[in-house]
Protein backbone atom coordinates (compact mmCIF):
# COMPACT_ATOMS: atom_id res chain seq x y z
CA MET A 1 44.37 -21.96 8.00
CA ASP A 2 46.02 -18.89 10.28
CA LEU A 3 44.19 -15.89 8.38
CA SER A 4 45.82 -13.39 11.02
CA ARG A 5 49.59 -14.96 10.13
CA THR A 6 48.98 -14.88 6.61
CA ARG A 7 47.54 -10.84 6.59
CA ASN A 8 50.77 -9.90 8.48
CA ALA A 9 53.07 -12.14 6.47
CA PRO A 10 55.47 -10.32 3.83
CA MET A 11 53.89 -10.23 0.31
CA ALA A 12 56.74 -12.73 -1.04
CA THR A 13 55.60 -15.27 1.36
CA ARG A 14 51.48 -14.73 0.64
CA ALA A 15 52.23 -14.68 -3.21
CA GLY A 16 54.54 -17.82 -3.15
CA ASN A 17 57.93 -19.03 -4.96
CA ALA A 18 58.54 -21.75 -7.13
CA GLY A 19 57.76 -24.89 -5.54
CA SER A 20 55.55 -23.61 -2.85
CA THR A 21 52.08 -22.04 -2.21
CA PRO A 22 50.79 -21.11 -6.27
CA ALA A 23 49.83 -17.36 -6.54
CA TRP A 24 46.48 -17.94 -7.34
CA MET A 25 45.70 -19.06 -3.55
CA GLY A 26 47.32 -16.15 -2.28
CA ILE A 27 44.86 -13.88 -3.95
CA LEU A 28 42.08 -16.05 -2.96
CA VAL A 29 43.43 -15.86 0.71
CA SER A 30 43.82 -11.66 0.70
CA LEU A 31 39.59 -11.67 -0.82
CA TRP A 32 38.86 -13.81 1.90
CA VAL A 33 40.28 -11.67 4.42
CA ILE A 34 38.96 -8.44 3.03
CA LEU A 35 35.42 -10.16 3.50
CA LEU A 36 36.38 -10.98 7.21
CA ALA A 37 37.99 -6.98 7.76
CA GLY A 38 34.45 -4.95 6.59
CA GLY A 39 32.68 -6.94 3.75
CA CYS A 40 30.98 -9.67 6.03
CA ASP A 41 27.71 -7.70 6.66
CA LYS A 42 26.84 -7.40 2.95
CA VAL A 43 27.12 -11.51 2.25
CA PRO A 44 23.35 -12.46 1.31
CA THR A 45 21.52 -14.00 4.03
CA HIS A 46 18.32 -15.77 4.77
CA ARG A 47 16.29 -17.77 7.53
CA SER A 48 14.81 -20.77 7.04
CA LEU A 49 11.10 -21.26 8.16
CA GLU A 50 12.75 -23.58 11.50
CA ASP A 51 14.98 -20.36 12.26
CA ILE A 52 11.50 -18.36 12.18
CA LEU A 53 10.12 -20.08 14.17
CA LYS A 54 12.63 -20.82 17.07
CA SER A 55 13.16 -17.02 17.15
CA GLY A 56 9.77 -15.97 17.72
CA HIS A 57 9.04 -13.14 15.19
CA ILE A 58 9.17 -12.70 11.82
CA THR A 59 10.08 -9.32 9.32
CA VAL A 60 8.17 -8.49 6.04
CA ILE A 61 9.28 -6.01 3.48
CA THR A 62 6.44 -3.70 2.44
CA ARG A 63 5.72 -0.02 1.13
CA ASN A 64 4.77 2.80 3.40
CA ASN A 65 1.33 3.76 1.04
CA ALA A 66 -2.39 3.27 1.55
CA HIS A 67 -2.31 -0.31 -0.38
CA CYS A 68 0.13 -1.89 1.35
CA TYR A 69 1.20 -0.50 4.79
CA TYR A 70 0.05 2.82 7.31
CA ILE A 71 -0.43 4.34 10.85
CA TYR A 72 -3.84 5.78 11.67
CA ARG A 73 -4.13 6.76 15.08
CA GLU A 74 -1.60 4.80 16.37
CA GLN A 75 -2.85 1.74 14.46
CA LYS A 76 -1.06 -0.03 11.92
CA MET A 77 -3.41 -0.68 8.85
CA GLY A 78 -2.86 -1.87 5.29
CA PHE A 79 -4.39 -4.62 3.25
CA GLU A 80 -0.68 -6.31 2.89
CA TYR A 81 -0.22 -5.73 6.64
CA ASP A 82 -3.77 -7.22 7.55
CA MET A 83 -3.10 -10.48 5.01
CA ALA A 84 0.97 -10.26 6.86
CA GLU A 85 -0.16 -10.11 10.31
CA ALA A 86 -2.63 -13.03 9.69
CA PHE A 87 0.42 -14.93 7.82
CA ALA A 88 2.33 -14.45 11.27
CA ASP A 89 -0.65 -15.32 13.27
CA PHE A 90 -0.88 -18.60 11.10
CA LEU A 91 2.86 -19.41 12.29
CA GLY A 92 2.41 -18.57 15.84
CA VAL A 93 5.36 -15.74 15.91
CA LYS A 94 5.12 -11.97 15.80
CA LEU A 95 5.64 -9.88 13.15
CA ASN A 96 8.20 -7.29 12.75
CA VAL A 97 7.96 -4.65 9.10
CA GLU A 98 10.41 -3.29 7.70
CA THR A 99 9.13 -0.43 5.14
CA ALA A 100 11.53 0.42 2.18
CA HIS A 101 12.07 3.53 0.50
CA SER A 102 11.76 2.49 -2.86
CA TRP A 103 10.91 0.12 -5.12
CA GLU A 104 14.38 -1.24 -6.25
CA GLU A 105 15.14 -1.51 -2.06
CA MET A 106 12.84 -4.43 -1.69
CA ILE A 107 14.63 -7.33 -3.21
CA PRO A 108 17.75 -6.36 -1.61
CA SER A 109 16.57 -5.99 1.61
CA LEU A 110 15.15 -9.17 1.14
CA THR A 111 18.40 -11.22 -0.23
CA ILE A 112 21.03 -8.79 1.67
CA GLU A 113 19.77 -7.28 4.18
CA GLY A 114 18.26 -10.32 5.74
CA GLY A 115 14.04 -9.42 5.60
CA ASP A 116 12.32 -12.84 5.82
CA PHE A 117 9.49 -11.90 3.10
CA ILE A 118 8.09 -9.34 0.49
CA ALA A 119 4.31 -8.00 0.65
CA ALA A 120 4.50 -5.08 -1.19
CA SER A 121 1.20 -5.90 -3.80
CA MET A 122 4.06 -7.21 -6.21
CA THR A 123 3.43 -8.36 -9.28
CA ILE A 124 5.19 -11.62 -10.33
CA THR A 125 7.23 -10.95 -13.31
CA PRO A 126 10.16 -13.10 -15.25
CA GLU A 127 12.51 -10.39 -13.99
CA ARG A 128 11.95 -10.63 -10.52
CA LYS A 129 11.85 -14.56 -10.46
CA ARG A 130 15.62 -14.77 -11.29
CA ASP A 131 15.79 -13.00 -7.72
CA VAL A 132 13.44 -14.61 -5.74
CA ILE A 133 11.06 -16.81 -5.20
CA PHE A 134 7.15 -16.56 -5.74
CA SER A 135 4.15 -17.72 -4.16
CA ASP A 136 1.62 -18.82 -5.29
CA GLY A 137 -0.72 -15.83 -6.70
CA TYR A 138 -3.44 -14.14 -4.42
CA ARG A 139 -4.74 -11.25 -6.26
CA GLU A 140 -5.19 -10.94 -10.27
CA ILE A 141 -5.10 -7.43 -11.20
CA ARG A 142 -4.48 -5.74 -14.86
CA GLN A 143 -2.74 -2.30 -16.19
CA HIS A 144 -5.13 0.86 -16.46
CA LEU A 145 -4.61 3.99 -18.41
CA ILE A 146 -5.11 6.86 -16.10
CA VAL A 147 -6.13 10.44 -17.96
CA ASN A 148 -7.76 13.53 -16.71
CA ARG A 149 -12.03 13.59 -17.77
CA SER A 150 -11.49 16.09 -19.72
CA ASN A 151 -9.06 14.45 -21.77
CA GLY A 152 -11.01 13.20 -24.85
CA ASP A 153 -7.55 12.66 -26.98
CA VAL A 154 -6.24 9.47 -25.43
CA ASN A 155 -8.74 6.52 -25.14
CA THR A 156 -6.86 3.34 -26.74
CA VAL A 157 -3.37 2.56 -26.11
CA GLU A 158 -2.41 3.54 -29.51
CA ASP A 159 -3.01 7.03 -28.75
CA LEU A 160 -0.02 7.01 -26.62
CA SER A 161 1.98 7.90 -29.52
CA GLY A 162 3.41 11.02 -29.23
CA ARG A 163 2.54 11.48 -25.65
CA THR A 164 4.31 11.04 -22.28
CA VAL A 165 3.24 8.25 -19.53
CA HIS A 166 4.41 9.39 -15.86
CA VAL A 167 5.11 6.25 -14.01
CA ARG A 168 7.54 5.45 -10.70
CA ARG A 169 10.97 3.96 -11.83
CA GLY A 170 11.40 0.40 -11.01
CA THR A 171 7.59 -1.06 -11.34
CA SER A 172 5.84 -3.16 -13.49
CA TYR A 173 4.37 -0.37 -15.07
CA GLU A 174 7.81 0.97 -16.65
CA SER A 175 8.25 -2.65 -17.89
CA ARG A 176 5.10 -2.85 -20.12
CA LEU A 177 5.78 0.49 -21.52
CA SER A 178 9.06 -0.56 -22.32
CA ALA A 179 7.22 -3.57 -24.41
CA LEU A 180 4.85 -0.92 -25.75
CA GLN A 181 8.03 1.18 -27.56
CA LYS A 182 9.06 -2.52 -28.46
CA GLU A 183 5.64 -3.01 -30.60
CA GLY A 184 5.90 0.30 -32.15
CA ILE A 185 4.14 2.94 -29.91
CA ASP A 186 6.08 5.96 -30.26
CA LEU A 187 5.61 7.41 -26.32
CA LYS A 188 7.98 8.62 -23.95
CA ILE A 189 8.24 7.48 -20.59
CA GLU A 190 8.88 9.85 -17.61
CA LEU A 191 10.26 8.12 -14.77
CA HIS A 192 9.50 9.19 -10.88
CA GLU A 193 12.10 7.97 -8.50
CA ASN A 194 9.92 7.44 -5.15
CA THR A 195 6.52 8.68 -6.35
CA PRO A 196 3.59 6.78 -5.15
CA THR A 197 0.83 5.70 -7.71
CA GLY A 198 -1.53 7.49 -6.15
CA GLU A 199 0.15 10.97 -5.42
CA LEU A 200 0.79 10.60 -9.99
CA ILE A 201 -3.21 9.74 -10.08
CA GLY A 202 -3.58 12.79 -8.29
CA GLN A 203 -1.12 15.22 -10.47
CA VAL A 204 -3.30 13.94 -13.53
CA ALA A 205 -6.37 15.11 -12.09
CA SER A 206 -5.15 18.13 -11.24
CA ASN A 207 -3.73 18.44 -14.87
CA ASP A 208 -0.09 18.58 -14.05
CA ILE A 209 0.59 15.66 -15.91
CA GLU A 210 -1.36 14.00 -18.67
CA ILE A 211 -1.28 10.26 -17.90
CA THR A 212 0.06 7.53 -15.65
CA ILE A 213 -0.74 3.80 -14.97
CA ALA A 214 -2.05 1.92 -12.19
CA ASP A 215 -3.48 -1.63 -11.19
CA SER A 216 -7.10 -2.06 -11.00
CA ASP A 217 -7.14 -1.74 -7.41
CA ILE A 218 -5.46 1.21 -7.24
CA ALA A 219 -6.89 2.54 -10.23
CA PHE A 220 -10.46 2.17 -8.89
CA LEU A 221 -9.89 3.28 -5.46
CA ASN A 222 -8.34 6.45 -6.09
CA ARG A 223 -11.19 6.98 -8.45
CA ARG A 224 -12.92 7.89 -5.27
CA TYR A 225 -10.56 10.36 -4.39
CA TYR A 226 -10.70 12.14 -7.70
CA PRO A 227 -13.49 12.31 -9.80
CA LYS A 228 -12.07 13.94 -12.49
CA ILE A 229 -10.04 11.18 -13.68
CA ARG A 230 -10.85 8.58 -16.11
CA VAL A 231 -9.77 5.31 -15.89
CA LEU A 232 -9.39 3.68 -19.18
CA GLY A 233 -9.37 -0.23 -20.42
CA ALA A 234 -7.15 -2.44 -19.38
CA ILE A 235 -3.35 -2.28 -21.35
CA SER A 236 -1.81 -5.41 -20.31
CA GLU A 237 -3.02 -8.82 -19.50
CA SER A 238 -4.12 -10.12 -16.45
CA GLU A 239 -1.09 -10.30 -14.05
CA ILE A 240 -0.82 -11.98 -10.89
CA LEU A 241 0.39 -10.46 -7.49
CA GLY A 242 2.12 -12.58 -5.04
CA TRP A 243 4.71 -12.41 -1.69
CA ALA A 244 8.41 -13.20 -2.45
CA THR A 245 11.10 -15.35 -0.36
CA HIS A 246 14.88 -15.69 -0.65
CA ARG A 247 15.82 -18.11 -2.79
CA ASN A 248 17.03 -20.69 -0.43
CA ALA A 249 13.87 -20.18 1.47
CA PRO A 250 11.47 -22.44 -0.26
CA ASP A 251 10.38 -24.01 2.97
CA LEU A 252 9.27 -20.47 3.70
CA ARG A 253 7.61 -20.33 0.21
CA ASP A 254 5.64 -23.71 0.86
CA GLN A 255 4.18 -22.11 4.56
CA ILE A 256 2.91 -19.15 2.72
CA ASN A 257 1.03 -21.26 0.03
CA LEU A 258 -0.19 -23.08 2.34
CA PHE A 259 -1.98 -20.09 4.43
CA LEU A 260 -2.80 -18.40 1.17
CA LYS A 261 -4.84 -21.77 0.71
CA VAL A 262 -6.37 -21.97 4.17
CA ILE A 263 -7.35 -18.30 3.66
CA HIS A 264 -9.41 -18.73 0.62
CA ASN A 265 -11.00 -21.64 1.42
CA ASN A 266 -12.25 -20.14 5.27
CA GLY A 267 -13.06 -16.54 3.50
CA GLN A 268 -10.42 -14.61 5.27
CA LEU A 269 -8.77 -13.55 2.44
CA GLU A 270 -12.05 -11.88 1.07
CA GLU A 271 -12.73 -10.18 4.33
CA ILE A 272 -9.40 -8.60 4.77
CA TYR A 273 -10.11 -7.36 0.44
CA LYS A 274 -13.61 -5.74 1.23
CA ARG A 275 -11.91 -4.19 4.31
CA TYR A 276 -10.28 -1.88 1.97
CA TYR A 277 -11.37 -2.22 -1.56
CA ALA A 278 -15.19 -3.34 -1.32
CA ASP A 279 -17.23 -2.35 -4.26
CA VAL A 280 -14.08 -0.34 -5.41
CA GLU A 281 -15.56 -0.49 -9.43
CA THR A 282 -18.78 1.17 -8.50
CA PHE A 283 -18.55 4.59 -9.08
CA ASP A 284 -21.24 7.78 -9.73
CA TYR A 285 -19.36 10.35 -10.94
CA LEU A 286 -22.28 13.17 -10.08
CA ASP A 287 -22.16 11.70 -6.75
CA LEU A 288 -18.65 11.87 -5.94
CA ALA A 289 -18.18 15.23 -7.92
CA ALA A 290 -21.09 16.57 -5.18
CA PHE A 291 -19.17 14.85 -2.39
CA HIS A 292 -15.43 16.39 -3.33
CA ARG A 293 -17.58 20.32 -3.44
CA ARG A 294 -19.43 20.08 -0.41
CA ILE A 295 -16.66 18.72 1.61
CA LYS A 296 -14.73 21.63 0.20
CA SER A 297 -17.29 24.48 0.06
CA ARG A 298 -19.34 23.70 3.30
CA MET A 299 -17.59 21.05 5.72
CA PRO A 300 -15.17 24.04 6.91
CA ALA A 301 -17.49 25.94 8.80
CA TYR A 302 -18.18 23.17 11.14
CA ILE A 303 -14.88 21.83 11.31
CA ARG A 304 -13.93 23.16 14.52
CA ILE A 305 -17.38 22.38 16.14
CA ILE A 306 -16.69 18.61 14.93
CA GLN A 307 -13.54 18.30 16.25
CA ARG A 308 -14.81 19.39 19.69
CA ALA A 309 -17.88 17.05 20.06
CA ALA A 310 -15.34 14.49 19.14
CA ASP A 311 -13.07 15.18 21.32
CA LYS A 312 -15.48 15.20 23.81
CA HIS A 313 -16.65 12.35 23.43
CA ASP A 314 -14.39 10.37 22.05
CA PHE A 315 -14.51 9.83 18.56
CA ASP A 316 -12.24 10.41 15.70
CA TRP A 317 -13.77 13.23 13.88
CA ARG A 318 -13.91 12.37 10.71
CA LEU A 319 -16.46 9.99 11.78
CA ILE A 320 -18.68 12.30 12.75
CA ALA A 321 -18.13 14.62 9.66
CA ALA A 322 -18.70 11.08 7.83
CA GLN A 323 -21.59 10.83 9.41
CA ILE A 324 -23.00 14.62 9.11
CA TYR A 325 -22.57 13.96 5.75
CA GLN A 326 -24.60 10.85 5.33
CA GLU A 327 -27.25 12.57 7.14
CA SER A 328 -27.74 15.88 5.69
CA HIS A 329 -24.97 16.83 3.19
CA PHE A 330 -23.85 19.51 5.59
CA ASN A 331 -27.11 21.62 5.63
CA PRO A 332 -27.79 23.09 8.27
CA LYS A 333 -31.74 23.58 7.85
CA ALA A 334 -32.19 19.85 6.51
CA LYS A 335 -35.75 18.03 7.31
CA SER A 336 -36.55 14.63 6.56
CA ASP A 337 -39.84 13.63 5.33
CA LYS A 338 -39.94 11.63 8.48
CA GLY A 339 -38.90 14.59 10.91
CA ALA A 340 -35.62 14.58 11.60
CA HIS A 341 -33.96 18.04 11.47
CA GLY A 342 -30.21 19.49 11.28
CA LEU A 343 -26.87 18.64 10.56
CA MET A 344 -26.97 15.39 12.55
CA GLN A 345 -30.89 14.49 12.11
CA LEU A 346 -32.73 14.95 15.10
CA THR A 347 -35.69 13.99 15.73
CA LEU A 348 -38.10 16.63 18.26
CA ARG A 349 -38.39 13.84 20.85
CA MET A 350 -34.69 13.16 20.74
CA ALA A 351 -33.61 16.59 20.87
CA THR A 352 -36.06 17.00 23.39
CA SER A 353 -34.22 14.01 25.75
CA LEU A 354 -30.64 15.95 24.82
CA ASP A 355 -31.63 19.43 25.80
CA VAL A 356 -31.51 20.71 22.22
CA LYS A 357 -32.93 23.91 22.86
CA ASP A 358 -32.48 25.06 19.34
CA ILE A 359 -32.71 21.95 17.10
CA PHE A 360 -30.93 23.85 13.59
CA ASP A 361 -27.77 25.68 15.59
CA PRO A 362 -25.04 23.49 13.96
CA GLU A 363 -23.28 23.53 17.51
CA GLN A 364 -26.34 22.00 19.39
CA ASN A 365 -27.15 19.77 16.78
CA ILE A 366 -23.28 18.28 16.39
CA GLU A 367 -23.22 17.85 20.18
CA ALA A 368 -25.92 15.83 20.93
CA GLY A 369 -25.84 13.94 18.21
CA THR A 370 -22.35 13.12 18.83
CA ARG A 371 -23.40 12.48 22.88
CA TYR A 372 -26.47 10.30 21.37
CA LEU A 373 -23.99 8.33 19.05
CA ARG A 374 -21.41 7.65 22.00
CA LYS A 375 -24.23 6.16 24.07
CA LEU A 376 -25.09 4.16 21.20
CA TYR A 377 -21.36 2.75 20.44
CA ASP A 378 -21.06 2.06 24.62
CA HIS A 379 -24.49 0.25 25.13
CA PHE A 380 -23.57 -1.63 21.68
CA ASP A 381 -20.02 -2.19 22.41
CA LYS A 382 -20.58 -4.16 25.43
């Protein structure tokens, strides 16, 4: 069929008359012409496993947050990123990362825009399974209520009646709250367009909002950053996290399942998990509260010294600050029963070898301690 001629032909010719081309065929041709003229970029696309292997690259769709993917000191990191990178290595291809601006964009980015798979701590739900196919599960989580420690009125799901719960739009949290409403809990859902769950938890900690919801790992990890929150009991049954592929790419899904089985059996999955979530269930409120208090009240006095020493000896200043906190809790006069002194707990022998004149002087103590740490680092790096 010569579509260019059809597009330029008189209307009567395209529509047809008695005994010629039926009218419905002319309409069909017109729609096809519209697609050719400008609608083709919206036609759903997908790549098979064979296409991916031939191209030498695979594109993951994820979210830019502390749990999926972020860049730290020019290095790509995140639990989902490390998993996706391991999968790309498993296939022998290069990984490309595409970050969706919102949860609502992720599945369209896969089904229409041409990404290969979604790895974003996504819960497998019946609604989502209508649009994509999921891999086997790789993490089991439950949803938890998050409130401020000063809030003693909310402890169970029943206590949500008459209260407002803040969650991000398009998440399984929203679906769970809607289900609770149908079960008779008279709660109000306040939807946030693109606010990360960690940020909502921070707003609970500062009493800007009363209640939010978070998955197990996210809730327990953020409790370390915001010790003023309480993570209440689960409000959902166990839910499974999985990766998603285009519905027409079962071969890719099957390869993901094989990969997940391999890294589960060889311990790589557990290794990646511990890299980001080790011992997140462990929580000591008094210890964490003291930590946050000292970071605010004591660390600012030494921050410039720490940054200069770290730059001089090629360390991230936060590593040096963390070391100082572990050694002395930022107490410049600290002494140990084993003869260590000052912010970085130098011994008298070490101080002498490093030409320290005043072991309690913050600048001398931090510079010498950082210099010694670089010496150890270089030695063991070899």
